[in-house]
Structures are given as structure tokens and as C-alpha cells.
């Protein structure tokens, strides 16, 4: 299973998901790409509603500190704050599952 692709700024080292056209930190346009497979859930919350659509229940979300640096918001699948997770891209969304 492959992990999601993050942007990596050649100028300042910023890393993040989703991919960017320029760096949100320094404005640099020289962005590379790198695959990320794991990280650590820093915090968590629950999404109860979304503008313009029905969620079909609560959606657990968390901020994941990606291995190698950078952060991303991901759906949590059986994971919570403090857990090491494997990150995958599922139907266009970043999903974090607890490492076994």
C-alpha cells in the first residue's frame, strides 16, 4: 500500500498535504513531492455537520504530525491522540489508522 504524496519546499523545507502550487510558508515555487506512510496523531476532534451536505453521522478528525515533518488533517479510523498511525489516501481523503 502506498501513502499520500505531500509537497516539500526546496527553499524553506516546509512539508504538507494536500499538494501545493507554491509554499504557503515562504511563497517559494520550487516544490518537490514525497510519499508519506506514517505519523503521530497530535490532537483530535469530531465533525458534526458540514455546509451543504449530510455527513451520515459524526466524523472523527485529527491533526497528524507526518514522519519527516509537516502536518495534515486526516479522518481517524480507530485512532486517537497519541497514536502512531499509517496514513493512506482513500476516496480523495487522508485517513489515519492506528499502526498494528
N, C-alpha and C. Protein backbone atom coordinates (compact mmCIF):
# COMPACT_ATOMS: atom_id res chain seq x y z
N UNK A 1 0.85 -1.18 0.00
CA UNK A 1 0.00 0.00 0.00
C UNK A 1 0.89 1.23 0.00
N UNK A 2 0.56 2.18 -0.85
CA UNK A 2 1.37 3.39 -0.90
C UNK A 2 0.69 4.50 -0.11
N UNK A 3 1.51 5.45 0.32
CA UNK A 3 1.00 6.57 1.11
C UNK A 3 0.69 7.76 0.23
N UNK A 4 0.08 8.78 0.83
CA UNK A 4 -0.24 10.00 0.09
C UNK A 4 1.03 10.79 -0.25
N UNK A 5 0.93 11.66 -1.23
CA UNK A 5 2.03 12.50 -1.67
C UNK A 5 1.90 13.87 -1.02
N UNK A 6 2.96 14.35 -0.39
CA UNK A 6 2.99 15.69 0.20
C UNK A 6 3.92 16.57 -0.61
N UNK A 7 3.70 17.88 -0.51
CA UNK A 7 4.60 18.85 -1.13
C UNK A 7 5.75 19.14 -0.18
N UNK A 8 6.94 19.35 -0.76
CA UNK A 8 8.13 19.69 0.02
C UNK A 8 8.78 20.90 -0.64
N UNK A 9 8.93 21.99 0.13
CA UNK A 9 9.51 23.22 -0.41
C UNK A 9 11.04 23.11 -0.42
N UNK A 10 11.62 23.34 -1.60
CA UNK A 10 13.08 23.31 -1.73
C UNK A 10 13.74 24.51 -1.08
N UNK A 11 12.99 25.60 -0.87
CA UNK A 11 13.57 26.81 -0.29
C UNK A 11 13.62 26.79 1.22
N UNK A 12 12.50 26.42 1.87
CA UNK A 12 12.45 26.52 3.33
C UNK A 12 12.24 25.18 4.03
N UNK A 13 11.93 24.11 3.28
CA UNK A 13 11.74 22.80 3.88
C UNK A 13 10.33 22.49 4.35
N UNK A 14 9.38 23.44 4.16
CA UNK A 14 8.00 23.19 4.56
C UNK A 14 7.50 21.93 3.88
N UNK A 15 6.69 21.14 4.60
CA UNK A 15 6.06 19.93 4.06
C UNK A 15 4.60 19.94 4.42
N UNK A 16 3.73 19.49 3.53
CA UNK A 16 2.33 19.42 3.87
C UNK A 16 1.46 18.77 2.82
N UNK A 17 0.26 18.46 3.24
CA UNK A 17 -0.77 17.85 2.42
C UNK A 17 -1.99 18.74 2.48
N UNK A 18 -2.70 18.96 1.40
CA UNK A 18 -2.52 18.40 0.07
C UNK A 18 -1.40 19.09 -0.70
N UNK A 19 -1.10 18.55 -1.88
CA UNK A 19 -0.06 19.13 -2.72
C UNK A 19 -0.37 20.60 -3.00
N UNK A 20 0.66 21.40 -3.12
CA UNK A 20 0.52 22.85 -3.34
C UNK A 20 1.24 23.27 -4.61
N UNK A 21 0.83 24.43 -5.16
CA UNK A 21 1.50 25.01 -6.32
C UNK A 21 2.66 25.88 -5.88
N UNK A 22 2.57 26.46 -4.66
CA UNK A 22 3.65 27.26 -4.08
C UNK A 22 3.61 27.04 -2.58
N UNK A 23 4.69 27.38 -1.93
CA UNK A 23 4.83 27.16 -0.49
C UNK A 23 4.01 28.19 0.30
N UNK A 24 3.14 27.73 1.21
CA UNK A 24 2.35 28.67 2.00
C UNK A 24 3.17 29.37 3.09
N UNK A 25 4.38 28.89 3.33
CA UNK A 25 5.24 29.49 4.36
C UNK A 25 6.12 30.61 3.79
N UNK A 26 6.83 30.31 2.70
CA UNK A 26 7.78 31.30 2.16
C UNK A 26 7.39 31.82 0.77
N UNK A 27 6.38 31.22 0.14
CA UNK A 27 5.96 31.66 -1.19
C UNK A 27 6.79 31.05 -2.31
N UNK A 28 7.74 30.19 -1.97
CA UNK A 28 8.58 29.57 -2.98
C UNK A 28 7.79 28.72 -3.96
N UNK A 29 8.28 28.65 -5.19
CA UNK A 29 7.58 27.90 -6.23
C UNK A 29 8.27 26.60 -6.59
N UNK A 30 9.41 26.33 -5.95
CA UNK A 30 10.13 25.08 -6.23
C UNK A 30 9.72 24.02 -5.21
N UNK A 31 8.63 23.32 -5.53
CA UNK A 31 8.11 22.29 -4.64
C UNK A 31 8.36 20.91 -5.22
N UNK A 32 8.89 20.05 -4.40
CA UNK A 32 9.04 18.66 -4.77
C UNK A 32 7.91 17.85 -4.17
N UNK A 33 7.95 16.55 -4.39
CA UNK A 33 6.93 15.67 -3.85
C UNK A 33 7.59 14.51 -3.13
N UNK A 34 6.91 14.04 -2.10
CA UNK A 34 7.43 12.94 -1.30
C UNK A 34 6.27 12.10 -0.78
N UNK A 35 6.44 10.80 -0.78
CA UNK A 35 5.42 9.91 -0.25
C UNK A 35 5.56 9.83 1.27
N UNK A 36 4.43 9.85 1.97
CA UNK A 36 4.42 9.72 3.42
C UNK A 36 3.57 8.51 3.77
N UNK A 37 4.04 7.71 4.70
CA UNK A 37 3.31 6.50 5.06
C UNK A 37 2.83 6.47 6.51
N UNK A 38 3.37 7.35 7.36
CA UNK A 38 3.03 7.25 8.78
C UNK A 38 3.16 8.60 9.47
N UNK A 39 2.70 8.63 10.72
CA UNK A 39 2.80 9.83 11.52
C UNK A 39 2.28 9.59 12.93
N UNK A 40 2.05 10.68 13.64
CA UNK A 40 1.58 10.64 15.02
C UNK A 40 0.39 11.58 15.16
N UNK A 41 -0.72 11.08 15.72
CA UNK A 41 -1.90 11.92 15.92
C UNK A 41 -1.62 12.86 17.09
N UNK A 42 -1.63 14.17 16.81
CA UNK A 42 -1.36 15.17 17.85
C UNK A 42 -2.61 15.53 18.62
N UNK A 43 -3.71 15.73 17.92
CA UNK A 43 -4.97 16.05 18.60
C UNK A 43 -6.13 15.55 17.76
N UNK A 44 -7.31 15.58 18.34
CA UNK A 44 -8.48 15.04 17.66
C UNK A 44 -9.71 15.88 17.95
N UNK A 45 -10.69 15.76 17.05
CA UNK A 45 -11.98 16.43 17.21
C UNK A 45 -13.01 15.60 16.46
N UNK A 46 -14.27 16.02 16.54
CA UNK A 46 -15.33 15.33 15.83
C UNK A 46 -16.11 16.36 15.00
N UNK A 47 -16.28 16.05 13.73
CA UNK A 47 -17.06 16.89 12.83
C UNK A 47 -18.51 16.43 12.92
N UNK A 48 -19.41 17.36 13.31
CA UNK A 48 -20.81 17.02 13.49
C UNK A 48 -21.67 17.40 12.29
N UNK A 49 -21.26 18.41 11.54
CA UNK A 49 -22.02 18.84 10.38
C UNK A 49 -21.10 19.50 9.36
N UNK A 50 -21.55 19.54 8.12
CA UNK A 50 -20.78 20.16 7.05
C UNK A 50 -21.73 21.01 6.21
N UNK A 51 -21.28 22.15 5.78
CA UNK A 51 -22.12 23.05 4.99
C UNK A 51 -22.54 22.40 3.68
N UNK A 52 -23.84 22.40 3.43
CA UNK A 52 -24.36 21.94 2.15
C UNK A 52 -24.47 20.45 1.95
N UNK A 53 -24.17 19.65 2.97
CA UNK A 53 -24.31 18.20 2.77
C UNK A 53 -24.52 17.48 4.10
N UNK A 54 -25.00 16.26 3.99
CA UNK A 54 -25.24 15.42 5.15
C UNK A 54 -24.05 14.50 5.35
N UNK A 55 -23.59 14.39 6.58
CA UNK A 55 -22.43 13.55 6.86
C UNK A 55 -22.80 12.10 7.11
N UNK A 56 -24.03 11.85 7.55
CA UNK A 56 -24.41 10.48 7.88
C UNK A 56 -23.83 10.04 9.20
N UNK A 57 -23.62 10.97 10.11
CA UNK A 57 -23.05 10.66 11.43
C UNK A 57 -21.84 11.52 11.71
N UNK A 58 -21.27 11.32 12.87
CA UNK A 58 -20.09 12.09 13.25
C UNK A 58 -18.84 11.56 12.54
N UNK A 59 -17.93 12.47 12.20
CA UNK A 59 -16.70 12.10 11.52
C UNK A 59 -15.52 12.49 12.41
N UNK A 60 -14.76 11.50 12.92
CA UNK A 60 -13.59 11.83 13.74
C UNK A 60 -12.44 12.33 12.87
N UNK A 61 -11.85 13.47 13.26
CA UNK A 61 -10.72 14.06 12.55
C UNK A 61 -9.57 14.28 13.51
N UNK A 62 -8.36 14.32 12.98
CA UNK A 62 -7.20 14.59 13.81
C UNK A 62 -6.11 15.30 13.04
N UNK A 63 -5.26 16.01 13.76
CA UNK A 63 -4.07 16.60 13.17
C UNK A 63 -2.95 15.57 13.32
N UNK A 64 -2.33 15.23 12.19
CA UNK A 64 -1.28 14.21 12.19
C UNK A 64 0.06 14.87 11.90
N UNK A 65 1.02 14.68 12.81
CA UNK A 65 2.40 15.11 12.57
C UNK A 65 3.02 14.03 11.70
N UNK A 66 3.30 14.38 10.46
CA UNK A 66 3.80 13.42 9.48
C UNK A 66 5.26 13.07 9.74
N UNK A 67 5.61 11.82 9.52
CA UNK A 67 7.02 11.43 9.63
C UNK A 67 7.84 12.28 8.67
N UNK A 68 8.93 12.84 9.15
CA UNK A 68 9.77 13.70 8.35
C UNK A 68 9.40 15.17 8.47
N UNK A 69 8.28 15.47 9.14
CA UNK A 69 7.85 16.85 9.34
C UNK A 69 6.60 17.20 8.58
N UNK A 70 5.97 18.26 8.99
CA UNK A 70 4.73 18.71 8.38
C UNK A 70 3.52 18.12 9.08
N UNK A 71 2.38 18.75 8.87
CA UNK A 71 1.14 18.31 9.49
C UNK A 71 0.04 18.22 8.44
N UNK A 72 -0.95 17.39 8.74
CA UNK A 72 -2.11 17.26 7.87
C UNK A 72 -3.32 16.88 8.72
N UNK A 73 -4.49 17.28 8.26
CA UNK A 73 -5.73 16.88 8.91
C UNK A 73 -6.22 15.61 8.22
N UNK A 74 -6.57 14.60 9.02
CA UNK A 74 -6.98 13.31 8.46
C UNK A 74 -8.21 12.78 9.19
N UNK A 75 -8.98 11.96 8.49
CA UNK A 75 -10.03 11.20 9.15
C UNK A 75 -9.35 10.16 10.03
N UNK A 76 -9.88 9.97 11.23
CA UNK A 76 -9.31 8.97 12.13
C UNK A 76 -10.14 7.69 12.05
N UNK A 77 -9.48 6.58 11.77
CA UNK A 77 -10.14 5.28 11.69
C UNK A 77 -9.59 4.41 12.81
N UNK A 78 -10.23 4.49 13.97
CA UNK A 78 -9.80 3.70 15.11
C UNK A 78 -8.56 4.24 15.80
N UNK A 79 -8.21 5.48 15.52
CA UNK A 79 -7.02 6.09 16.13
C UNK A 79 -7.44 7.28 16.96
N UNK A 80 -6.56 7.67 17.90
CA UNK A 80 -6.83 8.85 18.71
C UNK A 80 -5.51 9.54 19.06
N UNK A 81 -5.60 10.69 19.71
CA UNK A 81 -4.41 11.47 20.05
C UNK A 81 -3.38 10.60 20.75
N UNK A 82 -2.13 10.73 20.30
CA UNK A 82 -1.02 9.97 20.86
C UNK A 82 -0.70 8.68 20.12
N UNK A 83 -1.57 8.25 19.22
CA UNK A 83 -1.35 7.01 18.48
C UNK A 83 -0.42 7.22 17.29
N UNK A 84 0.46 6.23 17.05
CA UNK A 84 1.20 6.15 15.78
C UNK A 84 0.23 5.63 14.76
N UNK A 85 0.23 6.22 13.56
CA UNK A 85 -0.73 5.84 12.53
C UNK A 85 -0.06 5.63 11.18
N UNK A 86 -0.73 4.83 10.37
CA UNK A 86 -0.41 4.68 8.96
C UNK A 86 -1.38 5.58 8.22
N UNK A 87 -0.88 6.39 7.29
CA UNK A 87 -1.76 7.30 6.54
C UNK A 87 -1.91 6.81 5.11
N UNK A 88 -3.15 6.85 4.63
CA UNK A 88 -3.46 6.45 3.27
C UNK A 88 -4.41 7.47 2.67
N UNK A 89 -4.52 7.45 1.37
CA UNK A 89 -5.48 8.30 0.66
C UNK A 89 -6.62 7.40 0.22
N UNK A 90 -7.83 7.66 0.74
CA UNK A 90 -9.00 6.84 0.45
C UNK A 90 -10.11 7.74 -0.09
N UNK A 91 -10.52 7.51 -1.33
CA UNK A 91 -11.57 8.33 -1.97
C UNK A 91 -11.25 9.82 -1.86
N UNK A 92 -10.00 10.18 -2.03
CA UNK A 92 -9.57 11.58 -2.02
C UNK A 92 -9.35 12.18 -0.65
N UNK A 93 -9.60 11.41 0.41
CA UNK A 93 -9.43 11.91 1.78
C UNK A 93 -8.26 11.21 2.47
N UNK A 94 -7.53 11.96 3.27
CA UNK A 94 -6.45 11.38 4.06
C UNK A 94 -7.06 10.64 5.24
N UNK A 95 -6.67 9.38 5.42
CA UNK A 95 -7.20 8.56 6.51
C UNK A 95 -6.03 8.03 7.33
N UNK A 96 -6.16 8.14 8.65
CA UNK A 96 -5.11 7.68 9.58
C UNK A 96 -5.65 6.50 10.38
N UNK A 97 -4.93 5.36 10.27
CA UNK A 97 -5.30 4.15 11.01
C UNK A 97 -4.17 3.79 11.97
N UNK A 98 -4.54 3.37 13.15
CA UNK A 98 -3.54 3.01 14.16
C UNK A 98 -2.62 1.90 13.62
N UNK A 99 -1.32 2.08 13.86
CA UNK A 99 -0.34 1.05 13.47
C UNK A 99 -0.55 -0.18 14.32
N UNK A 100 -0.41 -1.34 13.72
CA UNK A 100 -0.54 -2.60 14.48
C UNK A 100 0.80 -3.08 14.96
